[in-house]
Amino acid sequence: MNFKRISLALAGVLIAGASLAAQAPAPAPGTQTATPKREGRMERRAERQQQRIGKGVANGSLTPKETARLEHQEAKVNKDIAKAEADGKVTKKEATKIEREQNRESRRIHRQKHDAQKRN
C-alpha cells in the first residue's frame, strides 16, 4: 500500500463524510439531540485524526499494515457518524458512543505512531 493510494482513500472518506453531513434533514421536534456544536466537533475530530494518520504515513512512523488497520478502524467511526446523522438527529447516547470510539482510535493512532516500527 503506497502513500498515493492511502491519500486517495483518505480524500474519498473525507468527501463522503462531508457530503453525508450536508444532506442530513432537520431533527424532529421534541427529540433529545446532541447540540450542533457537538456534532461539528465529532466531524472536526474525525478530520484531525485522518490528518494524524496521513502525517504518520508521510514521516514514516506508520507502516503500511498499521496504516491500513488504522484507516479501516477510522472508516468504522466515520460510518457510525454518518449513521447517527442520517436521520437528522444525533442523540446524546449516539454522540457519547462516537466520542468513546474516537477516544479509542486516538489512542491507537498515538501508540502506532510512537512504537518502534518504522516504514522502510
PDB file of N, CA and C in Angstrom:
ATOM      1  N   MET A   1       0.844  -1.170   0.000  1.00  0.00           N
ATOM      2  CA  MET A   1       0.000   0.000   0.000  1.00  0.00           C
ATOM      3  C   MET A   1       0.893   1.238   0.000  1.00  0.00           C
ATOM      4  N   ASN A   2       0.781   2.049  -1.011  1.00  0.00           N
ATOM      5  CA  ASN A   2       1.652   3.201  -1.096  1.00  0.00           C
ATOM      6  C   ASN A   2       0.941   4.467  -0.620  1.00  0.00           C
ATOM      7  N   PHE A   3       1.731   5.514  -0.462  1.00  0.00           N
ATOM      8  CA  PHE A   3       1.222   6.768   0.077  1.00  0.00           C
ATOM      9  C   PHE A   3       0.143   7.375  -0.820  1.00  0.00           C
ATOM     10  N   LYS A   4       0.319   7.291  -2.130  1.00  0.00           N
ATOM     11  CA  LYS A   4      -0.651   7.877  -3.050  1.00  0.00           C
ATOM     12  C   LYS A   4      -2.011   7.197  -2.917  1.00  0.00           C
ATOM     13  N   ARG A   5      -2.014   5.874  -2.806  1.00  0.00           N
ATOM     14  CA  ARG A   5      -3.261   5.126  -2.665  1.00  0.00           C
ATOM     15  C   ARG A   5      -3.952   5.486  -1.350  1.00  0.00           C
ATOM     16  N   ILE A   6      -3.166   5.590  -0.287  1.00  0.00           N
ATOM     17  CA  ILE A   6      -3.727   5.933   1.019  1.00  0.00           C
ATOM     18  C   ILE A   6      -4.288   7.346   0.990  1.00  0.00           C
ATOM     19  N   SER A   7      -3.554   8.253   0.341  1.00  0.00           N
ATOM     20  CA  SER A   7      -4.025   9.638   0.252  1.00  0.00           C
ATOM     21  C   SER A   7      -5.345   9.720  -0.506  1.00  0.00           C
ATOM     22  N   LEU A   8      -5.466   8.965  -1.591  1.00  0.00           N
ATOM     23  CA  LEU A   8      -6.718   8.969  -2.353  1.00  0.00           C
ATOM     24  C   LEU A   8      -7.868   8.384  -1.537  1.00  0.00           C
ATOM     25  N   ALA A   9      -7.582   7.315  -0.792  1.00  0.00           N
ATOM     26  CA  ALA A   9      -8.616   6.722   0.051  1.00  0.00           C
ATOM     27  C   ALA A   9      -9.040   7.702   1.133  1.00  0.00           C
ATOM     28  N   LEU A  10      -8.076   8.379   1.717  1.00  0.00           N
ATOM     29  CA  LEU A  10      -8.349   9.370   2.755  1.00  0.00           C
ATOM     30  C   LEU A  10      -9.217  10.491   2.209  1.00  0.00           C
ATOM     31  N   ALA A  11      -8.886  10.978   1.031  1.00  0.00           N
ATOM     32  CA  ALA A  11      -9.671  12.047   0.423  1.00  0.00           C
ATOM     33  C   ALA A  11     -11.100  11.582   0.147  1.00  0.00           C
ATOM     34  N   GLY A  12     -11.249  10.342  -0.311  1.00  0.00           N
ATOM     35  CA  GLY A  12     -12.585   9.802  -0.580  1.00  0.00           C
ATOM     36  C   GLY A  12     -13.435   9.718   0.667  1.00  0.00           C
ATOM     37  N   VAL A  13     -12.830   9.283   1.772  1.00  0.00           N
ATOM     38  CA  VAL A  13     -13.561   9.173   3.030  1.00  0.00           C
ATOM     39  C   VAL A  13     -13.994  10.559   3.509  1.00  0.00           C
ATOM     40  N   LEU A  14     -13.096  11.537   3.417  1.00  0.00           N
ATOM     41  CA  LEU A  14     -13.439  12.887   3.866  1.00  0.00           C
ATOM     42  C   LEU A  14     -14.543  13.508   3.010  1.00  0.00           C
ATOM     43  N   ILE A  15     -14.480  13.300   1.706  1.00  0.00           N
ATOM     44  CA  ILE A  15     -15.505  13.852   0.818  1.00  0.00           C
ATOM     45  C   ILE A  15     -16.850  13.179   1.078  1.00  0.00           C
ATOM     46  N   ALA A  16     -16.831  11.863   1.265  1.00  0.00           N
ATOM     47  CA  ALA A  16     -18.083  11.142   1.533  1.00  0.00           C
ATOM     48  C   ALA A  16     -18.706  11.613   2.840  1.00  0.00           C
ATOM     49  N   GLY A  17     -17.894  11.792   3.852  1.00  0.00           N
ATOM     50  CA  GLY A  17     -18.403  12.258   5.141  1.00  0.00           C
ATOM     51  C   GLY A  17     -18.992  13.657   5.042  1.00  0.00           C
ATOM     52  N   ALA A  18     -18.314  14.524   4.298  1.00  0.00           N
ATOM     53  CA  ALA A  18     -18.803  15.890   4.140  1.00  0.00           C
ATOM     54  C   ALA A  18     -20.120  15.925   3.370  1.00  0.00           C
ATOM     55  N   SER A  19     -20.245  15.091   2.350  1.00  0.00           N
ATOM     56  CA  SER A  19     -21.485  15.094   1.575  1.00  0.00           C
ATOM     57  C   SER A  19     -22.643  14.521   2.382  1.00  0.00           C
ATOM     58  N   LEU A  20     -22.377  13.518   3.213  1.00  0.00           N
ATOM     59  CA  LEU A  20     -23.438  12.974   4.064  1.00  0.00           C
ATOM     60  C   LEU A  20     -23.897  14.002   5.089  1.00  0.00           C
ATOM     61  N   ALA A  21     -22.964  14.751   5.636  1.00  0.00           N
ATOM     62  CA  ALA A  21     -23.313  15.766   6.629  1.00  0.00           C
ATOM     63  C   ALA A  21     -24.157  16.868   6.000  1.00  0.00           C
ATOM     64  N   ALA A  22     -23.883  17.208   4.765  1.00  0.00           N
ATOM     65  CA  ALA A  22     -24.621  18.276   4.096  1.00  0.00           C
ATOM     66  C   ALA A  22     -26.050  17.869   3.762  1.00  0.00           C
ATOM     67  N   GLN A  23     -26.316  16.565   3.626  1.00  0.00           N
ATOM     68  CA  GLN A  23     -27.627  16.085   3.230  1.00  0.00           C
ATOM     69  C   GLN A  23     -28.527  15.731   4.405  1.00  0.00           C
ATOM     70  N   ALA A  24     -28.069  15.889   5.623  1.00  0.00           N
ATOM     71  CA  ALA A  24     -28.837  15.478   6.795  1.00  0.00           C
ATOM     72  C   ALA A  24     -30.084  16.351   6.961  1.00  0.00           C
ATOM     73  N   PRO A  25     -31.280  15.737   7.132  1.00  0.00           N
ATOM     74  CA  PRO A  25     -32.501  16.504   7.340  1.00  0.00           C
ATOM     75  C   PRO A  25     -32.566  17.068   8.770  1.00  0.00           C
ATOM     76  N   ALA A  26     -33.493  17.972   9.002  1.00  0.00           N
ATOM     77  CA  ALA A  26     -33.649  18.589  10.315  1.00  0.00           C
ATOM     78  C   ALA A  26     -34.241  17.582  11.306  1.00  0.00           C
ATOM     79  N   PRO A  27     -33.877  17.681  12.606  1.00  0.00           N
ATOM     80  CA  PRO A  27     -34.409  16.752  13.598  1.00  0.00           C
ATOM     81  C   PRO A  27     -35.892  16.988  13.869  1.00  0.00           C
ATOM     82  N   ALA A  28     -36.568  15.934  14.285  1.00  0.00           N
ATOM     83  CA  ALA A  28     -37.987  16.032  14.623  1.00  0.00           C
ATOM     84  C   ALA A  28     -38.146  16.812  15.929  1.00  0.00           C
ATOM     85  N   PRO A  29     -39.206  17.593  16.055  1.00  0.00           N
ATOM     86  CA  PRO A  29     -39.400  18.356  17.281  1.00  0.00           C
ATOM     87  C   PRO A  29     -39.626  17.431  18.482  1.00  0.00           C
ATOM     88  N   GLY A  30     -39.092  17.840  19.620  1.00  0.00           N
ATOM     89  CA  GLY A  30     -39.301  17.084  20.849  1.00  0.00           C
ATOM     90  C   GLY A  30     -38.337  15.932  21.069  1.00  0.00           C
ATOM     91  N   THR A  31     -37.368  15.732  20.198  1.00  0.00           N
ATOM     92  CA  THR A  31     -36.407  14.647  20.385  1.00  0.00           C
ATOM     93  C   THR A  31     -35.183  15.184  21.106  1.00  0.00           C
ATOM     94  N   GLN A  32     -34.580  14.334  21.900  1.00  0.00           N
ATOM     95  CA  GLN A  32     -33.394  14.731  22.644  1.00  0.00           C
ATOM     96  C   GLN A  32     -32.182  14.505  21.750  1.00  0.00           C
ATOM     97  N   THR A  33     -31.600  15.607  21.305  1.00  0.00           N
ATOM     98  CA  THR A  33     -30.484  15.503  20.374  1.00  0.00           C
ATOM     99  C   THR A  33     -29.245  16.152  20.961  1.00  0.00           C
ATOM    100  N   ALA A  34     -28.119  15.770  20.393  1.00  0.00           N
ATOM    101  CA  ALA A  34     -26.875  16.434  20.767  1.00  0.00           C
ATOM    102  C   ALA A  34     -26.883  17.823  20.141  1.00  0.00           C
ATOM    103  N   THR A  35     -26.142  18.718  20.713  1.00  0.00           N
ATOM    104  CA  THR A  35     -26.109  20.074  20.193  1.00  0.00           C
ATOM    105  C   THR A  35     -25.363  20.110  18.864  1.00  0.00           C
ATOM    106  N   PRO A  36     -25.679  21.081  18.020  1.00  0.00           N
ATOM    107  CA  PRO A  36     -24.935  21.208  16.761  1.00  0.00           C
ATOM    108  C   PRO A  36     -23.443  21.376  17.004  1.00  0.00           C
ATOM    109  N   LYS A  37     -23.102  22.026  18.097  1.00  0.00           N
ATOM    110  CA  LYS A  37     -21.700  22.217  18.450  1.00  0.00           C
ATOM    111  C   LYS A  37     -21.014  20.856  18.616  1.00  0.00           C
ATOM    112  N   ARG A  38     -21.705  19.931  19.259  1.00  0.00           N
ATOM    113  CA  ARG A  38     -21.143  18.599  19.498  1.00  0.00           C
ATOM    114  C   ARG A  38     -21.009  17.820  18.197  1.00  0.00           C
ATOM    115  N   GLU A  39     -22.009  17.950  17.313  1.00  0.00           N
ATOM    116  CA  GLU A  39     -21.949  17.256  16.026  1.00  0.00           C
ATOM    117  C   GLU A  39     -20.775  17.757  15.200  1.00  0.00           C
ATOM    118  N   GLY A  40     -20.584  19.065  15.166  1.00  0.00           N
ATOM    119  CA  GLY A  40     -19.461  19.634  14.427  1.00  0.00           C
ATOM    120  C   GLY A  40     -18.131  19.194  15.012  1.00  0.00           C
ATOM    121  N   ARG A  41     -18.094  19.082  16.320  1.00  0.00           N
ATOM    122  CA  ARG A  41     -16.864  18.660  16.994  1.00  0.00           C
ATOM    123  C   ARG A  41     -16.500  17.233  16.593  1.00  0.00           C
ATOM    124  N   MET A  42     -17.504  16.348  16.482  1.00  0.00           N
ATOM    125  CA  MET A  42     -17.241  14.960  16.083  1.00  0.00           C
ATOM    126  C   MET A  42     -16.623  14.924  14.690  1.00  0.00           C
ATOM    127  N   GLU A  43     -17.176  15.701  13.780  1.00  0.00           N
ATOM    128  CA  GLU A  43     -16.684  15.706  12.407  1.00  0.00           C
ATOM    129  C   GLU A  43     -15.289  16.308  12.316  1.00  0.00           C
ATOM    130  N   ARG A  44     -15.053  17.416  13.028  1.00  0.00           N
ATOM    131  CA  ARG A  44     -13.721  18.031  13.006  1.00  0.00           C
ATOM    132  C   ARG A  44     -12.681  17.088  13.601  1.00  0.00           C
ATOM    133  N   ARG A  45     -13.065  16.380  14.649  1.00  0.00           N
ATOM    134  CA  ARG A  45     -12.136  15.443  15.276  1.00  0.00           C
ATOM    135  C   ARG A  45     -11.802  14.296  14.323  1.00  0.00           C
ATOM    136  N   ALA A  46     -12.796  13.800  13.604  1.00  0.00           N
ATOM    137  CA  ALA A  46     -12.550  12.733  12.628  1.00  0.00           C
ATOM    138  C   ALA A  46     -11.572  13.217  11.552  1.00  0.00           C
ATOM    139  N   GLU A  47     -11.729  14.452  11.108  1.00  0.00           N
ATOM    140  CA  GLU A  47     -10.815  15.008  10.114  1.00  0.00           C
ATOM    141  C   GLU A  47      -9.402  15.135  10.675  1.00  0.00           C
ATOM    142  N   ARG A  48      -9.280  15.604  11.913  1.00  0.00           N
ATOM    143  CA  ARG A  48      -7.954  15.738  12.528  1.00  0.00           C
ATOM    144  C   ARG A  48      -7.279  14.384  12.687  1.00  0.00           C
ATOM    145  N   GLN A  49      -8.050  13.373  13.029  1.00  0.00           N
ATOM    146  CA  GLN A  49      -7.463  12.047  13.184  1.00  0.00           C
ATOM    147  C   GLN A  49      -7.000  11.505  11.838  1.00  0.00           C
ATOM    148  N   GLN A  50      -7.743  11.793  10.784  1.00  0.00           N
ATOM    149  CA  GLN A  50      -7.306  11.400   9.450  1.00  0.00           C
ATOM    150  C   GLN A  50      -5.996  12.104   9.095  1.00  0.00           C
ATOM    151  N   GLN A  51      -5.886  13.372   9.466  1.00  0.00           N
ATOM    152  CA  GLN A  51      -4.654  14.112   9.207  1.00  0.00           C
ATOM    153  C   GLN A  51      -3.486  13.517   9.985  1.00  0.00           C
ATOM    154  N   ARG A  52      -3.741  13.106  11.212  1.00  0.00           N
ATOM    155  CA  ARG A  52      -2.682  12.490  12.021  1.00  0.00           C
ATOM    156  C   ARG A  52      -2.181  11.202  11.375  1.00  0.00           C
ATOM    157  N   ILE A  53      -3.097  10.412  10.835  1.00  0.00           N
ATOM    158  CA  ILE A  53      -2.702   9.183  10.138  1.00  0.00           C
ATOM    159  C   ILE A  53      -1.876   9.549   8.909  1.00  0.00           C
ATOM    160  N   GLY A  54      -2.322  10.543   8.160  1.00  0.00           N
ATOM    161  CA  GLY A  54      -1.592  10.986   6.970  1.00  0.00           C
ATOM    162  C   GLY A  54      -0.188  11.465   7.294  1.00  0.00           C
ATOM    163  N   LYS A  55      -0.044  12.192   8.387  1.00  0.00           N
ATOM    164  CA  LYS A  55       1.285  12.661   8.793  1.00  0.00           C
ATOM    165  C   LYS A  55       2.172  11.490   9.197  1.00  0.00           C
ATOM    166  N   GLY A  56       1.585  10.489   9.834  1.00  0.00           N
ATOM    167  CA  GLY A  56       2.349   9.301  10.207  1.00  0.00           C
ATOM    168  C   GLY A  56       2.863   8.554   8.990  1.00  0.00           C
ATOM    169  N   VAL A  57       2.047   8.521   7.942  1.00  0.00           N
ATOM    170  CA  VAL A  57       2.473   7.888   6.692  1.00  0.00           C
ATOM    171  C   VAL A  57       3.596   8.715   6.068  1.00  0.00           C
ATOM    172  N   ALA A  58       3.412  10.035   6.048  1.00  0.00           N
ATOM    173  CA  ALA A  58       4.389  10.919   5.405  1.00  0.00           C
ATOM    174  C   ALA A  58       5.756  10.881   6.090  1.00  0.00           C
ATOM    175  N   ASN A  59       5.778  10.834   7.418  1.00  0.00           N
ATOM    176  CA  ASN A  59       7.074  10.855   8.103  1.00  0.00           C
ATOM    177  C   ASN A  59       7.628   9.461   8.370  1.00  0.00           C
ATOM    178  N   GLY A  60       6.917   8.424   7.962  1.00  0.00           N
ATOM    179  CA  GLY A  60       7.438   7.070   8.063  1.00  0.00           C
ATOM    180  C   GLY A  60       7.223   6.400   9.408  1.00  0.00           C
ATOM    181  N   SER A  61       6.477   7.021  10.306  1.00  0.00           N
ATOM    182  CA  SER A  61       6.265   6.412  11.621  1.00  0.00           C
ATOM    183  C   SER A  61       5.173   5.344  11.601  1.00  0.00           C
ATOM    184  N   LEU A  62       4.432   5.243  10.497  1.00  0.00           N
ATOM    185  CA  LEU A  62       3.422   4.197  10.344  1.00  0.00           C
ATOM    186  C   LEU A  62       3.808   3.284   9.191  1.00  0.00           C
ATOM    187  N   THR A  63       3.744   1.997   9.446  1.00  0.00           N
ATOM    188  CA  THR A  63       3.988   1.023   8.386  1.00  0.00           C
ATOM    189  C   THR A  63       2.712   0.898   7.554  1.00  0.00           C
ATOM    190  N   PRO A  64       2.804   0.342   6.358  1.00  0.00           N
ATOM    191  CA  PRO A  64       1.597   0.172   5.537  1.00  0.00           C
ATOM    192  C   PRO A  64       0.521  -0.666   6.237  1.00  0.00           C
ATOM    193  N   LYS A  65       0.942  -1.710   6.949  1.00  0.00           N
ATOM    194  CA  LYS A  65      -0.032  -2.558   7.643  1.00  0.00           C
ATOM    195  C   LYS A  65      -0.719  -1.783   8.769  1.00  0.00           C
ATOM    196  N   GLU A  66       0.055  -1.009   9.525  1.00  0.00           N
ATOM    197  CA  GLU A  66      -0.526  -0.195  10.594  1.00  0.00           C
ATOM    198  C   GLU A  66      -1.492   0.833  10.009  1.00  0.00           C
ATOM    199  N   THR A  67      -1.085   1.440   8.902  1.00  0.00           N
ATOM    200  CA  THR A  67      -1.920   2.453   8.258  1.00  0.00           C
ATOM    201  C   THR A  67      -3.241   1.853   7.800  1.00  0.00           C
ATOM    202  N   ALA A  68      -3.170   0.684   7.173  1.00  0.00           N
ATOM    203  CA  ALA A  68      -4.391   0.039   6.693  1.00  0.00           C
ATOM    204  C   ALA A  68      -5.329  -0.271   7.852  1.00  0.00           C
ATOM    205  N   ARG A  69      -4.778  -0.755   8.946  1.00  0.00           N
ATOM    206  CA  ARG A  69      -5.602  -1.084  10.111  1.00  0.00           C
ATOM    207  C   ARG A  69      -6.245   0.181  10.688  1.00  0.00           C
ATOM    208  N   LEU A  70      -5.456   1.245  10.834  1.00  0.00           N
ATOM    209  CA  LEU A  70      -5.993   2.497  11.373  1.00  0.00           C
ATOM    210  C   LEU A  70      -7.058   3.090  10.449  1.00  0.00           C
ATOM    211  N   GLU A  71      -6.812   3.039   9.148  1.00  0.00           N
ATOM    212  CA  GLU A  71      -7.792   3.560   8.189  1.00  0.00           C
ATOM    213  C   GLU A  71      -9.095   2.776   8.261  1.00  0.00           C
ATOM    214  N   HIS A  72      -8.975   1.457   8.402  1.00  0.00           N
ATOM    215  CA  HIS A  72     -10.169   0.606   8.499  1.00  0.00           C
ATOM    216  C   HIS A  72     -10.969   0.958   9.758  1.00  0.00           C
ATOM    217  N   GLN A  73     -10.281   1.133  10.867  1.00  0.00           N
ATOM    218  CA  GLN A  73     -10.963   1.474  12.118  1.00  0.00           C
ATOM    219  C   GLN A  73     -11.560   2.874  12.050  1.00  0.00           C
ATOM    220  N   GLU A  74     -10.847   3.792  11.420  1.00  0.00           N
ATOM    221  CA  GLU A  74     -11.356   5.151  11.274  1.00  0.00           C
ATOM    222  C   GLU A  74     -12.587   5.167  10.369  1.00  0.00           C
ATOM    223  N   ALA A  75     -12.595   4.312   9.357  1.00  0.00           N
ATOM    224  CA  ALA A  75     -13.766   4.217   8.471  1.00  0.00           C
ATOM    225  C   ALA A  75     -14.990   3.740   9.252  1.00  0.00           C
ATOM    226  N   LYS A  76     -14.793   2.838  10.201  1.00  0.00           N
ATOM    227  CA  LYS A  76     -15.912   2.385  11.044  1.00  0.00           C
ATOM    228  C   LYS A  76     -16.477   3.543  11.857  1.00  0.00           C
ATOM    229  N   VAL A  77     -15.599   4.367  12.409  1.00  0.00           N
ATOM    230  CA  VAL A  77     -16.050   5.523  13.188  1.00  0.00           C
ATOM    231  C   VAL A  77     -16.820   6.481  12.279  1.00  0.00           C
ATOM    232  N   ASN A  78     -16.290   6.743  11.078  1.00  0.00           N
ATOM    233  CA  ASN A  78     -16.972   7.637  10.133  1.00  0.00           C
ATOM    234  C   ASN A  78     -18.335   7.086   9.726  1.00  0.00           C
ATOM    235  N   LYS A  79     -18.404   5.770   9.585  1.00  0.00           N
ATOM    236  CA  LYS A  79     -19.677   5.128   9.252  1.00  0.00           C
ATOM    237  C   LYS A  79     -20.690   5.328  10.381  1.00  0.00           C
ATOM    238  N   ASP A  80     -20.231   5.201  11.622  1.00  0.00           N
ATOM    239  CA  ASP A  80     -21.117   5.418  12.767  1.00  0.00           C
ATOM    240  C   ASP A  80     -21.587   6.863  12.832  1.00  0.00           C
ATOM    241  N   ILE A  81     -20.698   7.810  12.514  1.00  0.00           N
ATOM    242  CA  ILE A  81     -21.087   9.224  12.500  1.00  0.00           C
ATOM    243  C   ILE A  81     -22.155   9.444  11.429  1.00  0.00           C
ATOM    244  N   ALA A  82     -21.926   8.916  10.235  1.00  0.00           N
ATOM    245  CA  ALA A  82     -22.900   9.080   9.144  1.00  0.00           C
ATOM    246  C   ALA A  82     -24.232   8.431   9.505  1.00  0.00           C
ATOM    247  N   LYS A  83     -24.177   7.270  10.134  1.00  0.00           N
ATOM    248  CA  LYS A  83     -25.400   6.572  10.532  1.00  0.00           C
ATOM    249  C   LYS A  83     -26.169   7.387  11.574  1.00  0.00           C
ATOM    250  N   ALA A  84     -25.437   7.969  12.532  1.00  0.00           N
ATOM    251  CA  ALA A  84     -26.087   8.765  13.575  1.00  0.00           C
ATOM    252  C   ALA A  84     -26.724  10.018  12.984  1.00  0.00           C
ATOM    253  N   GLU A  85     -26.079  10.601  11.970  1.00  0.00           N
ATOM    254  CA  GLU A  85     -26.593  11.832  11.371  1.00  0.00           C
ATOM    255  C   GLU A  85     -27.616  11.571  10.267  1.00  0.00           C
ATOM    256  N   ALA A  86     -27.769  10.329   9.859  1.00  0.00           N
ATOM    257  CA  ALA A  86     -28.631  10.003   8.715  1.00  0.00           C
ATOM    258  C   ALA A  86     -30.082  10.413   8.931  1.00  0.00           C
ATOM    259  N   ASP A  87     -30.583  10.274  10.141  1.00  0.00           N
ATOM    260  CA  ASP A  87     -31.971  10.635  10.397  1.00  0.00           C
ATOM    261  C   ASP A  87     -32.127  12.099  10.796  1.00  0.00           C
ATOM    262  N   GLY A  88     -31.033  12.852  10.745  1.00  0.00           N
ATOM    263  CA  GLY A  88     -31.097  14.277  11.022  1.00  0.00           C
ATOM    264  C   GLY A  88     -30.929  14.648  12.467  1.00  0.00           C
ATOM    265  N   LYS A  89     -30.772  13.679  13.334  1.00  0.00           N
ATOM    266  CA  LYS A  89     -30.583  13.988  14.748  1.00  0.00           C
ATOM    267  C   LYS A  89     -29.565  13.018  15.335  1.00  0.00           C
ATOM    268  N   VAL A  90     -28.687  13.560  16.139  1.00  0.00           N
ATOM    269  CA  VAL A  90     -27.712  12.741  16.855  1.00  0.00           C
ATOM    270  C   VAL A  90     -28.095  12.803  18.329  1.00  0.00           C
ATOM    271  N   THR A  91     -28.517  11.672  18.854  1.00  0.00           N
ATOM    272  CA  THR A  91     -28.918  11.657  20.260  1.00  0.00           C
ATOM    273  C   THR A  91     -27.683  11.738  21.143  1.00  0.00           C
ATOM    274  N   LYS A  92     -27.902  12.056  22.395  1.00  0.00           N
ATOM    275  CA  LYS A  92     -26.775  12.132  23.330  1.00  0.00           C
ATOM    276  C   LYS A  92     -26.113  10.768  23.479  1.00  0.00           C
ATOM    277  N   LYS A  93     -26.907   9.724  23.419  1.00  0.00           N
ATOM    278  CA  LYS A  93     -26.361   8.367  23.520  1.00  0.00           C
ATOM    279  C   LYS A  93     -25.451   8.061  22.335  1.00  0.00           C
ATOM    280  N   GLU A  94     -25.902   8.410  21.127  1.00  0.00           N
ATOM    281  CA  GLU A  94     -25.086   8.192  19.934  1.00  0.00           C
ATOM    282  C   GLU A  94     -23.802   9.021  19.990  1.00  0.00           C
ATOM    283  N   ALA A  95     -23.935  10.280  20.420  1.00  0.00           N
ATOM    284  CA  ALA A  95     -22.771  11.157  20.496  1.00  0.00           C
ATOM    285  C   ALA A  95     -21.751  10.627  21.502  1.00  0.00           C
ATOM    286  N   THR A  96     -22.230  10.113  22.621  1.00  0.00           N
ATOM    287  CA  THR A  96     -21.333   9.546  23.632  1.00  0.00           C
ATOM    288  C   THR A  96     -20.615   8.321  23.081  1.00  0.00           C
ATOM    289  N   LYS A  97     -21.331   7.482  22.370  1.00  0.00           N
ATOM    290  CA  LYS A  97     -20.730   6.278  21.778  1.00  0.00           C
ATOM    291  C   LYS A  97     -19.654   6.668  20.763  1.00  0.00           C
ATOM    292  N   ILE A  98     -19.953   7.630  19.927  1.00  0.00           N
ATOM    293  CA  ILE A  98     -18.994   8.062  18.909  1.00  0.00           C
ATOM    294  C   ILE A  98     -17.768   8.690  19.562  1.00  0.00           C
ATOM    295  N   GLU A  99     -17.986   9.486  20.590  1.00  0.00           N
ATOM    296  CA  GLU A  99     -16.858  10.105  21.281  1.00  0.00           C
ATOM    297  C   GLU A  99     -15.953   9.047  21.907  1.00  0.00           C
ATOM    298  N   ARG A 100     -16.550   8.015  22.470  1.00  0.00           N
ATOM    299  CA  ARG A 100     -15.769   6.923  23.054  1.00  0.00           C
ATOM    300  C   ARG A 100     -14.959   6.203  21.968  1.00  0.00           C
ATOM    301  N   GLU A 101     -15.584   5.962  20.810  1.00  0.00           N
ATOM    302  CA  GLU A 101     -14.877   5.329  19.695  1.00  0.00           C
ATOM    303  C   GLU A 101     -13.719   6.204  19.220  1.00  0.00           C
ATOM    304  N   GLN A 102     -13.957   7.506  19.152  1.00  0.00           N
ATOM    305  CA  GLN A 102     -12.900   8.415  18.714  1.00  0.00           C
ATOM    306  C   GLN A 102     -11.760   8.458  19.732  1.00  0.00           C
ATOM    307  N   ASN A 103     -12.074   8.372  21.016  1.00  0.00           N
ATOM    308  CA  ASN A 103     -11.030   8.323  22.032  1.00  0.00           C
ATOM    309  C   ASN A 103     -10.153   7.087  21.838  1.00  0.00           C
ATOM    310  N   ARG A 104     -10.786   5.947  21.604  1.00  0.00           N
ATOM    311  CA  ARG A 104     -10.031   4.710  21.380  1.00  0.00           C
ATOM    312  C   ARG A 104      -9.160   4.820  20.141  1.00  0.00           C
ATOM    313  N   GLU A 105      -9.739   5.357  19.079  1.00  0.00           N
ATOM    314  CA  GLU A 105      -8.989   5.493  17.831  1.00  0.00           C
ATOM    315  C   GLU A 105      -7.805   6.438  18.011  1.00  0.00           C
ATOM    316  N   SER A 106      -8.005   7.510  18.756  1.00  0.00           N
ATOM    317  CA  SER A 106      -6.915   8.447  19.008  1.00  0.00           C
ATOM    318  C   SER A 106      -5.765   7.761  19.744  1.00  0.00           C
ATOM    319  N   ARG A 107      -6.099   6.942  20.735  1.00  0.00           N
ATOM    320  CA  ARG A 107      -5.052   6.203  21.459  1.00  0.00           C
ATOM    321  C   ARG A 107      -4.331   5.228  20.536  1.00  0.00           C
ATOM    322  N   ARG A 108      -5.085   4.563  19.653  1.00  0.00           N
ATOM    323  CA  ARG A 108      -4.464   3.623  18.704  1.00  0.00           C
ATOM    324  C   ARG A 108      -3.490   4.354  17.778  1.00  0.00           C
ATOM    325  N   ILE A 109      -3.913   5.505  17.272  1.00  0.00           N
ATOM    326  CA  ILE A 109      -3.049   6.274  16.382  1.00  0.00           C
ATOM    327  C   ILE A 109      -1.760   6.646  17.111  1.00  0.00           C
ATOM    328  N   HIS A 110      -1.887   7.150  18.319  1.00  0.00           N
ATOM    329  CA  HIS A 110      -0.708   7.547  19.094  1.00  0.00           C
ATOM    330  C   HIS A 110       0.230   6.367  19.317  1.00  0.00           C
ATOM    331  N   ARG A 111      -0.334   5.247  19.728  1.00  0.00           N
ATOM    332  CA  ARG A 111       0.504   4.071  20.005  1.00  0.00           C
ATOM    333  C   ARG A 111       1.232   3.600  18.753  1.00  0.00           C
ATOM    334  N   GLN A 112       0.527   3.561  17.639  1.00  0.00           N
ATOM    335  CA  GLN A 112       1.155   3.082  16.405  1.00  0.00           C
ATOM    336  C   GLN A 112       2.211   4.053  15.889  1.00  0.00           C
ATOM    337  N   LYS A 113       1.974   5.347  16.035  1.00  0.00           N
ATOM    338  CA  LYS A 113       2.947   6.324  15.560  1.00  0.00           C
ATOM    339  C   LYS A 113       4.204   6.331  16.419  1.00  0.00           C
ATOM    340  N   HIS A 114       4.070   5.950  17.674  1.00  0.00           N
ATOM    341  CA  HIS A 114       5.202   6.058  18.590  1.00  0.00           C
ATOM    342  C   HIS A 114       5.805   4.711  18.965  1.00  0.00           C
ATOM    343  N   ASP A 115       5.410   3.639  18.289  1.00  0.00           N
ATOM    344  CA  ASP A 115       6.059   2.365  18.579  1.00  0.00           C
ATOM    345  C   ASP A 115       7.393   2.293  17.821  1.00  0.00           C
ATOM    346  N   ALA A 116       8.132   1.238  18.010  1.00  0.00           N
ATOM    347  CA  ALA A 116       9.472   1.122  17.444  1.00  0.00           C
ATOM    348  C   ALA A 116       9.473   0.819  15.945  1.00  0.00           C
ATOM    349  N   GLN A 117       8.333   0.462  15.388  1.00  0.00           N
ATOM    350  CA  GLN A 117       8.276   0.088  13.969  1.00  0.00           C
ATOM    351  C   GLN A 117       8.340   1.346  13.092  1.00  0.00           C
ATOM    352  N   LYS A 118       9.096   1.243  12.038  1.00  0.00           N
ATOM    353  CA  LYS A 118       9.204   2.328  11.071  1.00  0.00           C
ATOM    354  C   LYS A 118       9.043   1.754   9.674  1.00  0.00           C
ATOM    355  N   ARG A 119       8.528   2.578   8.774  1.00  0.00           N
ATOM    356  CA  ARG A 119       8.425   2.164   7.383  1.00  0.00           C
ATOM    357  C   ARG A 119       9.821   2.177   6.785  1.00  0.00           C
ATOM    358  N   ASN A 120      10.150   1.196   5.997  1.00  0.00           N
ATOM    359  CA  ASN A 120      11.488   1.129   5.371  1.00  0.00           C
ATOM    360  C   ASN A 120      11.644   2.085   4.246  1.00  0.00           C
TER     361      ASN A 120
END
